Every structure is written in C-alpha cells, then in structure tokens.
Amino acid sequence: VPSDCLSTETDEHGVCYSNRRIVSVDKEMFKNKEYIVKDGIEQIDDDVFESCMNIEHITLPVSLRKIGANVFHRCDSLQELILPENVSDIGECLCEHSKKLKRVVLPDKIKHIKIASFYCCDSLEEVKLPAELRTLSDNVFACTPALKHLELPDTLFWIGGECFWKVVIEELKIPKHTRIADDAFLESNVKIEY
C-alpha cells in the first residue's frame, strides 16, 4: 500500500483527503453548490470533481500547486474558476464540457495549458491567461462560442491544432514569434492581428 493512502480523511461532503492531496470525491454524497478546499492542500488528483453537477463555486487554497486531468470535467453548474497564485501545473481536459463556466483566472506560474482544457465550455466569456504562458495545446478553446475577446501574452510560443476550432473572436493579437498549427483556427471566424 502506498504511504499516501495510509492516512486518509473523508469530510462530511464525501471529499477524501490524503497527505496534502484530494484523492477522490464520493459523487453520490457530494451535492454541494459551494465548496471550500481546506488550507494546506497542494494537489488535486485526476478526475476528482469530474461530473459533480451541482457545484457552482469552489474556493481553492493558496497552498495549491497542482491540479490533475479532468478535475472539473462536466461540472455543468460551475460558473467561475479562479486558480490560486501558486498553481503551476494543470492537467488536460481541466474544465472540458463545463457548460455554465463563464470566467477563468489562471495564475502566472502556469506555462502550458494542456489539451482540451476548456473544450466545449459553451458559456465561457472571460479568460485571464498567465503572463508567461508558453503553449496553448490542441483544442484548448475549441467550441467556446461565448468567448469573444482574449489577450495572448507576448511569451506565447505555440498554438496547437484546433485550439480555436469553431470560435468567433472579434480580434486576436498574436505575438509575431508565435508558431501556429495549420489547423489551429479550423472552422473559426477570428480576426487575427500580428
């Protein structure tokens, strides 16, 4: 048995904590609209809040450093996600198919936004990208029809395939040195400036 599984604690909402991590959530038990992750947590493991349909708002502690893949995937009621300043790593498909997500704030320590992080977030209107972001992977903002404005940082080096698939952005200024996959803007209506 791995040492991080020896000491676990499950709160009254079905959230299982183990050695500064959230390792799982009992989906049958977790019916919260709001949830505050306890102080001292440094990591949320893959899939933890996936398909928690009722959660509208989650408060994350400043101690948080890493968020796994699919953590908020299909959280259909989640409206806003503000990641604390110490988060430096987020997994792929972070909020994929979170239909009511309107606003996302990402801290400056994040250098890479992984595959499909905000794919099919139908209501996504506002995203604050990290100041030193290096890559936007494939499908990051694909099928986000409400996203009309986005400010890309000068540090951006790569925009991946279908990153902006089926997106309508009124104006997108891309740094001159940024490399772009051939299909990054497939079936999109984006006014691009360099």
N, C-alpha and C. Protein backbone atom coordinates (compact mmCIF):
# COMPACT_ATOMS: atom_id res chain seq x y z
N VAL A 1 0.86 -1.18 0.00
CA VAL A 1 0.00 0.00 0.00
C VAL A 1 0.90 1.24 0.00
N PRO A 2 0.69 2.17 -0.96
CA PRO A 2 1.48 3.40 -0.98
C PRO A 2 1.26 4.20 0.30
N SER A 3 2.31 4.87 0.76
CA SER A 3 2.24 5.60 2.02
C SER A 3 1.21 6.72 1.98
N ASP A 4 0.93 7.29 0.80
CA ASP A 4 -0.04 8.38 0.74
C ASP A 4 -1.48 7.88 0.87
N CYS A 5 -1.68 6.59 0.85
CA CYS A 5 -3.02 6.02 1.02
C CYS A 5 -3.26 5.52 2.44
N LEU A 6 -2.24 5.56 3.27
CA LEU A 6 -2.38 5.04 4.62
C LEU A 6 -3.17 5.96 5.52
N SER A 7 -3.02 7.26 5.35
CA SER A 7 -3.74 8.19 6.22
C SER A 7 -4.68 9.03 5.37
N THR A 8 -5.93 8.64 5.34
CA THR A 8 -6.94 9.40 4.60
C THR A 8 -8.01 9.89 5.56
N GLU A 9 -8.65 10.96 5.13
CA GLU A 9 -9.73 11.54 5.91
C GLU A 9 -10.81 11.96 4.92
N THR A 10 -12.03 11.54 5.14
CA THR A 10 -13.14 11.93 4.28
C THR A 10 -14.04 12.87 5.06
N ASP A 11 -14.29 14.05 4.48
CA ASP A 11 -15.14 15.02 5.17
C ASP A 11 -16.63 14.68 5.00
N GLU A 12 -17.49 15.48 5.61
CA GLU A 12 -18.93 15.21 5.59
C GLU A 12 -19.57 15.34 4.21
N HIS A 13 -18.80 15.86 3.23
CA HIS A 13 -19.31 16.01 1.87
C HIS A 13 -18.85 14.88 0.94
N GLY A 14 -18.02 13.98 1.45
CA GLY A 14 -17.52 12.87 0.65
C GLY A 14 -16.21 13.14 -0.04
N VAL A 15 -15.52 14.23 0.35
CA VAL A 15 -14.22 14.57 -0.23
C VAL A 15 -13.14 13.87 0.58
N CYS A 16 -12.31 13.07 -0.10
CA CYS A 16 -11.27 12.28 0.57
C CYS A 16 -9.92 12.97 0.45
N TYR A 17 -9.36 13.34 1.58
CA TYR A 17 -8.06 13.99 1.68
C TYR A 17 -7.01 12.99 2.11
N SER A 18 -5.81 13.11 1.57
CA SER A 18 -4.70 12.26 1.98
C SER A 18 -3.38 12.99 1.77
N ASN A 19 -2.64 13.21 2.84
CA ASN A 19 -1.30 13.83 2.76
C ASN A 19 -1.24 15.02 1.80
N ARG A 20 -1.94 16.07 2.13
CA ARG A 20 -1.93 17.33 1.36
C ARG A 20 -2.50 17.20 -0.05
N ARG A 21 -3.33 16.19 -0.28
CA ARG A 21 -3.95 15.98 -1.59
C ARG A 21 -5.44 15.69 -1.41
N ILE A 22 -6.18 16.00 -2.46
CA ILE A 22 -7.55 15.46 -2.55
C ILE A 22 -7.43 14.32 -3.53
N VAL A 23 -7.81 13.13 -3.09
CA VAL A 23 -7.63 11.94 -3.91
C VAL A 23 -8.91 11.45 -4.56
N SER A 24 -10.07 11.78 -3.98
CA SER A 24 -11.33 11.34 -4.58
C SER A 24 -12.50 12.09 -3.96
N VAL A 25 -13.65 11.97 -4.62
CA VAL A 25 -14.90 12.51 -4.11
C VAL A 25 -15.97 11.45 -4.33
N ASP A 26 -16.75 11.19 -3.31
CA ASP A 26 -17.88 10.28 -3.43
C ASP A 26 -19.00 11.06 -4.13
N LYS A 27 -19.22 10.77 -5.41
CA LYS A 27 -20.16 11.53 -6.24
C LYS A 27 -21.61 11.40 -5.75
N GLU A 28 -21.93 10.30 -5.10
CA GLU A 28 -23.28 10.13 -4.56
C GLU A 28 -23.51 11.04 -3.35
N MET A 29 -22.45 11.28 -2.61
CA MET A 29 -22.54 12.07 -1.39
C MET A 29 -22.38 13.57 -1.65
N PHE A 30 -21.56 13.93 -2.61
CA PHE A 30 -21.21 15.34 -2.87
C PHE A 30 -22.31 16.02 -3.67
N LYS A 31 -23.09 16.86 -3.01
CA LYS A 31 -24.20 17.57 -3.66
C LYS A 31 -24.08 19.09 -3.49
N ASN A 32 -22.91 19.54 -3.05
CA ASN A 32 -22.69 20.95 -2.73
C ASN A 32 -22.81 21.87 -3.94
N LYS A 33 -23.33 23.08 -3.70
CA LYS A 33 -23.29 24.14 -4.69
C LYS A 33 -22.01 24.95 -4.52
N GLU A 34 -21.53 25.01 -3.29
CA GLU A 34 -20.27 25.70 -2.99
C GLU A 34 -19.41 24.77 -2.15
N TYR A 35 -18.09 24.90 -2.35
CA TYR A 35 -17.19 24.06 -1.56
C TYR A 35 -15.88 24.81 -1.36
N ILE A 36 -15.35 24.73 -0.16
CA ILE A 36 -14.06 25.34 0.17
C ILE A 36 -13.07 24.21 0.44
N VAL A 37 -12.03 24.14 -0.38
CA VAL A 37 -10.97 23.14 -0.17
C VAL A 37 -10.12 23.61 1.00
N LYS A 38 -9.85 22.70 1.93
CA LYS A 38 -9.16 23.10 3.16
C LYS A 38 -7.72 23.55 2.91
N ASP A 39 -7.27 24.46 3.76
CA ASP A 39 -5.91 25.00 3.68
C ASP A 39 -4.88 23.89 3.80
N GLY A 40 -3.75 24.08 3.16
CA GLY A 40 -2.64 23.13 3.22
C GLY A 40 -2.63 22.12 2.09
N ILE A 41 -3.73 22.02 1.33
CA ILE A 41 -3.79 21.07 0.21
C ILE A 41 -2.91 21.59 -0.92
N GLU A 42 -2.04 20.72 -1.45
CA GLU A 42 -1.11 21.10 -2.52
C GLU A 42 -1.47 20.50 -3.87
N GLN A 43 -2.31 19.46 -3.89
CA GLN A 43 -2.63 18.79 -5.15
C GLN A 43 -4.05 18.25 -5.13
N ILE A 44 -4.70 18.36 -6.30
CA ILE A 44 -5.98 17.70 -6.52
C ILE A 44 -5.74 16.67 -7.62
N ASP A 45 -5.97 15.41 -7.30
CA ASP A 45 -5.69 14.32 -8.23
C ASP A 45 -6.66 14.30 -9.42
N ASP A 46 -6.30 13.54 -10.45
CA ASP A 46 -7.11 13.41 -11.66
C ASP A 46 -8.56 13.04 -11.33
N ASP A 47 -9.48 13.61 -12.09
CA ASP A 47 -10.90 13.24 -12.08
C ASP A 47 -11.66 13.53 -10.78
N VAL A 48 -11.08 14.22 -9.83
CA VAL A 48 -11.67 14.33 -8.50
C VAL A 48 -13.09 14.91 -8.51
N PHE A 49 -13.30 16.08 -9.09
CA PHE A 49 -14.63 16.68 -9.07
C PHE A 49 -15.38 16.44 -10.38
N GLU A 50 -14.86 15.58 -11.23
CA GLU A 50 -15.49 15.31 -12.53
C GLU A 50 -16.96 14.92 -12.35
N SER A 51 -17.81 15.56 -13.13
CA SER A 51 -19.25 15.30 -13.15
C SER A 51 -19.96 15.60 -11.83
N CYS A 52 -19.37 16.47 -11.01
CA CYS A 52 -20.09 16.97 -9.84
C CYS A 52 -21.02 18.06 -10.34
N MET A 53 -22.23 17.68 -10.68
CA MET A 53 -23.16 18.52 -11.42
C MET A 53 -23.68 19.74 -10.66
N ASN A 54 -23.66 19.73 -9.34
CA ASN A 54 -24.25 20.82 -8.56
C ASN A 54 -23.28 21.96 -8.24
N ILE A 55 -21.98 21.69 -8.27
CA ILE A 55 -21.00 22.69 -7.82
C ILE A 55 -21.03 23.92 -8.72
N GLU A 56 -21.29 25.08 -8.10
CA GLU A 56 -21.31 26.36 -8.81
C GLU A 56 -20.04 27.17 -8.54
N HIS A 57 -19.51 27.01 -7.33
CA HIS A 57 -18.33 27.79 -6.95
C HIS A 57 -17.44 26.95 -6.04
N ILE A 58 -16.15 26.98 -6.32
CA ILE A 58 -15.19 26.27 -5.48
C ILE A 58 -14.08 27.24 -5.09
N THR A 59 -13.73 27.24 -3.82
CA THR A 59 -12.66 28.09 -3.32
C THR A 59 -11.44 27.20 -3.09
N LEU A 60 -10.34 27.57 -3.72
CA LEU A 60 -9.11 26.78 -3.65
C LEU A 60 -8.08 27.49 -2.78
N PRO A 61 -7.32 26.76 -1.98
CA PRO A 61 -6.37 27.39 -1.06
C PRO A 61 -5.09 27.87 -1.78
N VAL A 62 -4.46 28.87 -1.21
CA VAL A 62 -3.23 29.42 -1.77
C VAL A 62 -2.11 28.38 -1.78
N SER A 63 -2.21 27.34 -0.95
CA SER A 63 -1.20 26.28 -0.88
C SER A 63 -1.22 25.37 -2.12
N LEU A 64 -2.31 25.40 -2.90
CA LEU A 64 -2.47 24.50 -4.05
C LEU A 64 -1.41 24.77 -5.12
N ARG A 65 -0.77 23.68 -5.62
CA ARG A 65 0.29 23.80 -6.62
C ARG A 65 -0.02 23.04 -7.91
N LYS A 66 -0.77 21.96 -7.82
CA LYS A 66 -1.01 21.10 -8.98
C LYS A 66 -2.46 20.64 -9.01
N ILE A 67 -3.03 20.67 -10.23
CA ILE A 67 -4.38 20.17 -10.45
C ILE A 67 -4.31 19.15 -11.58
N GLY A 68 -4.81 17.96 -11.33
CA GLY A 68 -4.74 16.87 -12.30
C GLY A 68 -5.68 17.03 -13.48
N ALA A 69 -5.69 16.03 -14.34
CA ALA A 69 -6.53 16.00 -15.54
C ALA A 69 -8.00 15.78 -15.17
N ASN A 70 -8.89 16.36 -15.96
CA ASN A 70 -10.34 16.16 -15.84
C ASN A 70 -10.94 16.55 -14.49
N VAL A 71 -10.25 17.35 -13.72
CA VAL A 71 -10.72 17.65 -12.36
C VAL A 71 -12.09 18.32 -12.34
N PHE A 72 -12.35 19.23 -13.27
CA PHE A 72 -13.65 19.90 -13.32
C PHE A 72 -14.40 19.56 -14.61
N HIS A 73 -14.07 18.44 -15.22
CA HIS A 73 -14.72 17.98 -16.45
C HIS A 73 -16.20 17.70 -16.17
N ARG A 74 -17.05 18.25 -17.01
CA ARG A 74 -18.51 18.07 -16.90
C ARG A 74 -19.09 18.53 -15.56
N CYS A 75 -18.50 19.58 -14.99
CA CYS A 75 -19.11 20.24 -13.82
C CYS A 75 -20.07 21.27 -14.40
N ASP A 76 -21.26 20.82 -14.73
CA ASP A 76 -22.20 21.60 -15.53
C ASP A 76 -22.71 22.87 -14.86
N SER A 77 -22.60 23.01 -13.56
CA SER A 77 -23.08 24.21 -12.88
C SER A 77 -21.95 25.17 -12.50
N LEU A 78 -20.70 24.75 -12.62
CA LEU A 78 -19.56 25.59 -12.26
C LEU A 78 -19.56 26.86 -13.10
N GLN A 79 -19.51 28.02 -12.44
CA GLN A 79 -19.61 29.30 -13.14
C GLN A 79 -18.31 30.06 -13.23
N GLU A 80 -17.42 29.82 -12.29
CA GLU A 80 -16.17 30.58 -12.25
C GLU A 80 -15.07 29.68 -11.67
N LEU A 81 -13.87 29.83 -12.21
CA LEU A 81 -12.73 29.09 -11.67
C LEU A 81 -11.56 30.06 -11.55
N ILE A 82 -11.16 30.31 -10.30
CA ILE A 82 -10.01 31.18 -10.03
C ILE A 82 -8.95 30.31 -9.37
N LEU A 83 -7.84 30.11 -10.09
CA LEU A 83 -6.77 29.28 -9.55
C LEU A 83 -5.82 30.15 -8.74
N PRO A 84 -5.41 29.68 -7.56
CA PRO A 84 -4.50 30.45 -6.71
C PRO A 84 -3.13 30.65 -7.36
N GLU A 85 -2.44 31.64 -6.88
CA GLU A 85 -1.17 32.09 -7.49
C GLU A 85 -0.06 31.04 -7.50
N ASN A 86 -0.11 30.03 -6.63
CA ASN A 86 0.97 29.04 -6.59
C ASN A 86 0.75 27.84 -7.51
N VAL A 87 -0.39 27.76 -8.18
CA VAL A 87 -0.64 26.66 -9.11
C VAL A 87 0.27 26.84 -10.32
N SER A 88 1.06 25.80 -10.61
CA SER A 88 1.98 25.86 -11.75
C SER A 88 1.73 24.76 -12.77
N ASP A 89 0.86 23.81 -12.44
CA ASP A 89 0.61 22.69 -13.34
C ASP A 89 -0.87 22.31 -13.31
N ILE A 90 -1.49 22.32 -14.50
CA ILE A 90 -2.88 21.88 -14.63
C ILE A 90 -2.93 20.76 -15.66
N GLY A 91 -3.77 19.79 -15.41
CA GLY A 91 -3.89 18.65 -16.30
C GLY A 91 -4.77 18.94 -17.50
N GLU A 92 -4.74 18.03 -18.46
CA GLU A 92 -5.55 18.18 -19.67
C GLU A 92 -7.03 18.04 -19.33
N CYS A 93 -7.86 18.57 -20.22
CA CYS A 93 -9.33 18.49 -20.09
C CYS A 93 -9.81 19.04 -18.75
N LEU A 94 -9.14 20.04 -18.24
CA LEU A 94 -9.41 20.58 -16.91
C LEU A 94 -10.88 20.88 -16.68
N CYS A 95 -11.49 21.64 -17.57
CA CYS A 95 -12.91 22.04 -17.42
C CYS A 95 -13.74 21.64 -18.63
N GLU A 96 -13.28 20.71 -19.39
CA GLU A 96 -13.97 20.31 -20.62
C GLU A 96 -15.45 20.04 -20.36
N HIS A 97 -16.30 20.57 -21.23
CA HIS A 97 -17.75 20.38 -21.17
C HIS A 97 -18.39 20.92 -19.90
N SER A 98 -17.79 21.93 -19.28
CA SER A 98 -18.43 22.59 -18.13
C SER A 98 -19.27 23.72 -18.70
N LYS A 99 -20.53 23.42 -18.96
CA LYS A 99 -21.42 24.23 -19.79
C LYS A 99 -21.71 25.63 -19.27
N LYS A 100 -21.71 25.86 -17.95
CA LYS A 100 -22.04 27.19 -17.41
C LYS A 100 -20.82 28.00 -16.99
N LEU A 101 -19.62 27.46 -17.20
CA LEU A 101 -18.40 28.17 -16.82
C LEU A 101 -18.28 29.46 -17.63
N LYS A 102 -18.24 30.61 -16.94
CA LYS A 102 -18.19 31.91 -17.61
C LYS A 102 -16.83 32.59 -17.51
N ARG A 103 -16.14 32.36 -16.40
CA ARG A 103 -14.91 33.12 -16.14
C ARG A 103 -13.83 32.20 -15.57
N VAL A 104 -12.60 32.38 -16.08
CA VAL A 104 -11.45 31.62 -15.61
C VAL A 104 -10.27 32.58 -15.40
N VAL A 105 -9.62 32.45 -14.26
CA VAL A 105 -8.41 33.23 -13.98
C VAL A 105 -7.29 32.23 -13.70
N LEU A 106 -6.25 32.29 -14.54
CA LEU A 106 -5.11 31.38 -14.40
C LEU A 106 -3.90 32.14 -13.88
N PRO A 107 -3.18 31.59 -12.91
CA PRO A 107 -2.03 32.29 -12.33
C PRO A 107 -0.82 32.30 -13.27
N ASP A 108 0.06 33.24 -13.02
CA ASP A 108 1.22 33.45 -13.89
C ASP A 108 2.24 32.31 -13.88
N LYS A 109 2.21 31.44 -12.90
CA LYS A 109 3.17 30.33 -12.85
C LYS A 109 2.88 29.23 -13.88
N ILE A 110 1.68 29.23 -14.44
CA ILE A 110 1.33 28.22 -15.44
C ILE A 110 1.97 28.59 -16.77
N LYS A 111 2.74 27.67 -17.33
CA LYS A 111 3.43 27.91 -18.61
C LYS A 111 2.75 27.20 -19.77
N HIS A 112 1.98 26.15 -19.48
CA HIS A 112 1.37 25.33 -20.53
C HIS A 112 -0.09 25.04 -20.19
N ILE A 113 -0.96 25.32 -21.14
CA ILE A 113 -2.36 24.93 -20.98
C ILE A 113 -2.55 23.71 -21.87
N LYS A 114 -2.91 22.62 -21.25
CA LYS A 114 -2.91 21.32 -21.92
C LYS A 114 -4.19 21.06 -22.73
N ILE A 115 -4.15 19.96 -23.46
CA ILE A 115 -5.19 19.58 -24.42
C ILE A 115 -6.60 19.71 -23.84
N ALA A 116 -7.47 20.38 -24.61
CA ALA A 116 -8.91 20.47 -24.36
C ALA A 116 -9.29 21.02 -22.98
N SER A 117 -8.45 21.85 -22.41
CA SER A 117 -8.72 22.36 -21.06
C SER A 117 -10.08 23.05 -20.94
N PHE A 118 -10.49 23.76 -21.97
CA PHE A 118 -11.77 24.48 -21.92
C PHE A 118 -12.65 24.13 -23.11
N TYR A 119 -12.46 22.96 -23.66
CA TYR A 119 -13.21 22.47 -24.81
C TYR A 119 -14.71 22.41 -24.50
N CYS A 120 -15.50 22.97 -25.38
CA CYS A 120 -16.97 22.95 -25.25
C CYS A 120 -17.47 23.56 -23.94
N CYS A 121 -16.81 24.61 -23.50
CA CYS A 121 -17.34 25.40 -22.37
C CYS A 121 -18.20 26.48 -23.01
N ASP A 122 -19.46 26.15 -23.24
CA ASP A 122 -20.37 26.97 -24.04
C ASP A 122 -20.53 28.40 -23.55
N SER A 123 -20.45 28.63 -22.25
CA SER A 123 -20.71 29.96 -21.69
C SER A 123 -19.45 30.76 -21.40
N LEU A 124 -18.28 30.20 -21.68
CA LEU A 124 -17.01 30.86 -21.33
C LEU A 124 -16.87 32.19 -22.07
N GLU A 125 -16.81 33.28 -21.29
CA GLU A 125 -16.72 34.63 -21.85
C GLU A 125 -15.38 35.30 -21.55
N GLU A 126 -14.80 34.96 -20.41
CA GLU A 126 -13.61 35.68 -19.96
C GLU A 126 -12.55 34.71 -19.46
N VAL A 127 -11.33 34.88 -19.99
CA VAL A 127 -10.20 34.07 -19.54
C VAL A 127 -9.00 35.00 -19.35
N LYS A 128 -8.44 34.98 -18.15
CA LYS A 128 -7.21 35.71 -17.89
C LYS A 128 -6.09 34.68 -17.99
N LEU A 129 -5.29 34.82 -19.06
CA LEU A 129 -4.18 33.89 -19.29
C LEU A 129 -2.96 34.29 -18.47
N PRO A 130 -2.09 33.32 -18.16
CA PRO A 130 -0.86 33.62 -17.42
C PRO A 130 0.05 34.56 -18.23
N ALA A 131 0.70 35.47 -17.55
CA ALA A 131 1.57 36.46 -18.20
C ALA A 131 2.76 35.82 -18.92
N GLU A 132 3.18 34.64 -18.46
CA GLU A 132 4.35 34.00 -19.07
C GLU A 132 3.99 32.67 -19.74
N LEU A 133 2.78 32.58 -20.22
CA LEU A 133 2.31 31.37 -20.91
C LEU A 133 3.16 31.07 -22.14
N ARG A 134 3.54 29.80 -22.32
CA ARG A 134 4.37 29.39 -23.46
C ARG A 134 3.56 28.65 -24.52
N THR A 135 2.64 27.77 -24.10
CA THR A 135 1.90 26.97 -25.09
C THR A 135 0.42 26.87 -24.79
N LEU A 136 -0.34 26.90 -25.87
CA LEU A 136 -1.76 26.53 -25.86
C LEU A 136 -1.84 25.25 -26.67
N SER A 137 -2.16 24.15 -26.05
CA SER A 137 -2.18 22.85 -26.73
C SER A 137 -3.42 22.71 -27.61
N ASP A 138 -3.59 21.54 -28.20
CA ASP A 138 -4.71 21.25 -29.09
C ASP A 138 -6.05 21.41 -28.38
N ASN A 139 -7.00 21.98 -29.09
CA ASN A 139 -8.40 22.08 -28.66
C ASN A 139 -8.65 22.86 -27.36
N VAL A 140 -7.71 23.68 -26.93
CA VAL A 140 -7.87 24.36 -25.64
C VAL A 140 -9.17 25.17 -25.57
N PHE A 141 -9.43 25.99 -26.58
CA PHE A 141 -10.64 26.82 -26.58
C PHE A 141 -11.64 26.40 -27.66
N ALA A 142 -11.52 25.21 -28.20
CA ALA A 142 -12.42 24.74 -29.25
C ALA A 142 -13.86 24.74 -28.75
N CYS A 143 -14.76 25.17 -29.62
CA CYS A 143 -16.20 25.16 -29.33
C CYS A 143 -16.56 25.96 -28.07
N THR A 144 -16.03 27.19 -28.00
CA THR A 144 -16.38 28.11 -26.91
C THR A 144 -17.03 29.34 -27.56
N PRO A 145 -18.29 29.23 -27.96
CA PRO A 145 -18.94 30.28 -28.74
C PRO A 145 -19.11 31.62 -28.04
N ALA A 146 -19.10 31.66 -26.71
CA ALA A 146 -19.27 32.92 -25.99
C ALA A 146 -17.97 33.71 -25.84
N LEU A 147 -16.83 33.07 -26.13
CA LEU A 147 -15.53 33.74 -25.97
C LEU A 147 -15.30 34.69 -27.16
N LYS A 148 -15.41 35.98 -26.90
CA LYS A 148 -15.30 36.99 -27.96
C LYS A 148 -13.99 37.77 -27.90
N HIS A 149 -13.36 37.79 -26.72
CA HIS A 149 -12.10 38.54 -26.53
C HIS A 149 -11.11 37.66 -25.78
N LEU A 150 -9.86 37.74 -26.16
CA LEU A 150 -8.80 37.00 -25.46
C LEU A 150 -7.50 37.73 -25.69
N GLU A 151 -6.75 37.93 -24.62
CA GLU A 151 -5.47 38.60 -24.73
C GLU A 151 -4.35 37.56 -24.57
N LEU A 152 -3.57 37.38 -25.63
CA LEU A 152 -2.46 36.43 -25.60
C LEU A 152 -1.21 37.13 -25.11
N PRO A 153 -0.46 36.51 -24.19
CA PRO A 153 0.77 37.14 -23.71
C PRO A 153 1.89 37.08 -24.75
N ASP A 154 2.82 38.01 -24.66
CA ASP A 154 3.95 38.07 -25.59
C ASP A 154 4.86 36.85 -25.50
N THR A 155 4.79 36.11 -24.42
CA THR A 155 5.63 34.94 -24.22
C THR A 155 5.13 33.70 -24.96
N LEU A 156 3.93 33.77 -25.54
CA LEU A 156 3.32 32.59 -26.18
C LEU A 156 4.15 32.14 -27.38
N PHE A 157 4.55 30.86 -27.36
CA PHE A 157 5.40 30.29 -28.40
C PHE A 157 4.62 29.39 -29.36
N TRP A 158 3.57 28.72 -28.86
CA TRP A 158 2.90 27.70 -29.68
C TRP A 158 1.38 27.73 -29.47
N ILE A 159 0.65 27.66 -30.59
CA ILE A 159 -0.80 27.46 -30.57
C ILE A 159 -1.07 26.15 -31.30
N GLY A 160 -1.66 25.20 -30.59
CA GLY A 160 -1.84 23.84 -31.11
C GLY A 160 -3.03 23.67 -32.04
N GLY A 161 -3.12 22.48 -32.60
CA GLY A 161 -4.15 22.11 -33.56
C GLY A 161 -5.56 22.27 -33.00
N GLU A 162 -6.43 22.85 -33.81
CA GLU A 162 -7.82 23.09 -33.47
C GLU A 162 -7.99 23.79 -32.13
N CYS A 163 -6.99 24.54 -31.72
CA CYS A 163 -7.04 25.27 -30.45
C CYS A 163 -8.25 26.20 -30.41
N PHE A 164 -8.54 26.84 -31.54
CA PHE A 164 -9.66 27.78 -31.63
C PHE A 164 -10.71 27.28 -32.63
N TRP A 165 -10.93 25.99 -32.70
CA TRP A 165 -11.89 25.39 -33.62
C TRP A 165 -13.31 25.87 -33.28
N LYS A 166 -14.02 26.34 -34.29
CA LYS A 166 -15.40 26.82 -34.15
C LYS A 166 -15.53 27.91 -33.10
N VAL A 167 -14.63 28.89 -33.17
CA VAL A 167 -14.63 30.02 -32.25
C VAL A 167 -14.83 31.30 -33.04
N VAL A 168 -15.51 32.27 -32.44
CA VAL A 168 -15.68 33.58 -33.04
C VAL A 168 -15.09 34.60 -32.06
N ILE A 169 -13.89 35.06 -32.37
CA ILE A 169 -13.24 36.08 -31.54
C ILE A 169 -13.12 37.33 -32.40
N GLU A 170 -13.59 38.44 -31.86
CA GLU A 170 -13.65 39.68 -32.64
C GLU A 170 -12.27 40.18 -33.06
N GLU A 171 -11.29 40.02 -32.18
CA GLU A 171 -9.93 40.44 -32.50
C GLU A 171 -8.96 39.68 -31.63
N LEU A 172 -7.96 39.07 -32.26
CA LEU A 172 -6.96 38.30 -31.52
C LEU A 172 -5.58 38.72 -32.00
N LYS A 173 -4.83 39.34 -31.12
CA LYS A 173 -3.47 39.76 -31.46
C LYS A 173 -2.51 38.64 -31.07
N ILE A 174 -1.81 38.12 -32.09
CA ILE A 174 -0.88 37.01 -31.88
C ILE A 174 0.55 37.55 -31.94
N PRO A 175 1.37 37.26 -30.94
CA PRO A 175 2.76 37.70 -31.00
C PRO A 175 3.45 37.19 -32.27
N LYS A 176 4.30 38.00 -32.85
CA LYS A 176 4.94 37.69 -34.15
C LYS A 176 5.74 36.40 -34.13
N HIS A 177 6.36 36.07 -33.02
CA HIS A 177 7.22 34.88 -32.93
C HIS A 177 6.43 33.59 -32.65
N THR A 178 5.13 33.69 -32.41
CA THR A 178 4.32 32.52 -32.07
C THR A 178 4.14 31.61 -33.27
N ARG A 179 4.41 30.33 -33.08
CA ARG A 179 4.17 29.32 -34.12
C ARG A 179 2.74 28.81 -33.96
N ILE A 180 2.10 28.56 -35.11
CA ILE A 180 0.69 28.19 -35.10
C ILE A 180 0.49 26.93 -35.93
N ALA A 181 -0.19 25.94 -35.36
CA ALA A 181 -0.54 24.72 -36.11
C ALA A 181 -1.43 25.10 -37.29
N ASP A 182 -1.29 24.39 -38.40
CA ASP A 182 -2.05 24.70 -39.61
C ASP A 182 -3.56 24.73 -39.39
N ASP A 183 -4.04 23.88 -38.50
CA ASP A 183 -5.49 23.80 -38.28
C ASP A 183 -5.93 24.45 -36.96
N ALA A 184 -5.14 25.35 -36.42
CA ALA A 184 -5.45 25.99 -35.14
C ALA A 184 -6.78 26.74 -35.16
N PHE A 185 -7.13 27.31 -36.31
CA PHE A 185 -8.34 28.12 -36.41
C PHE A 185 -9.38 27.48 -37.34
N LEU A 186 -9.42 26.19 -37.38
CA LEU A 186 -10.33 25.45 -38.24
C LEU A 186 -11.79 25.84 -37.97
N GLU A 187 -12.52 26.14 -39.03
CA GLU A 187 -13.93 26.50 -38.96
C GLU A 187 -14.22 27.63 -37.97
N SER A 188 -13.30 28.58 -37.88
CA SER A 188 -13.45 29.70 -36.95
C SER A 188 -13.63 31.00 -37.70
N ASN A 189 -14.13 31.98 -36.99
CA ASN A 189 -14.24 33.32 -37.52
C ASN A 189 -13.51 34.23 -36.53
N VAL A 190 -12.21 34.35 -36.75
CA VAL A 190 -11.36 35.12 -35.85
C VAL A 190 -10.60 36.16 -36.64
N LYS A 191 -10.69 37.40 -36.18
CA LYS A 191 -9.91 38.47 -36.80
C LYS A 191 -8.54 38.45 -36.13
N ILE A 192 -7.52 38.06 -36.90
CA ILE A 192 -6.17 37.91 -36.36
C ILE A 192 -5.30 39.10 -36.73
N GLU A 193 -4.56 39.58 -35.75
CA GLU A 193 -3.56 40.62 -35.96
C GLU A 193 -2.23 40.10 -35.44
N TYR A 194 -1.16 40.58 -36.06
CA TYR A 194 0.19 40.20 -35.60
C TYR A 194 0.94 41.42 -35.12
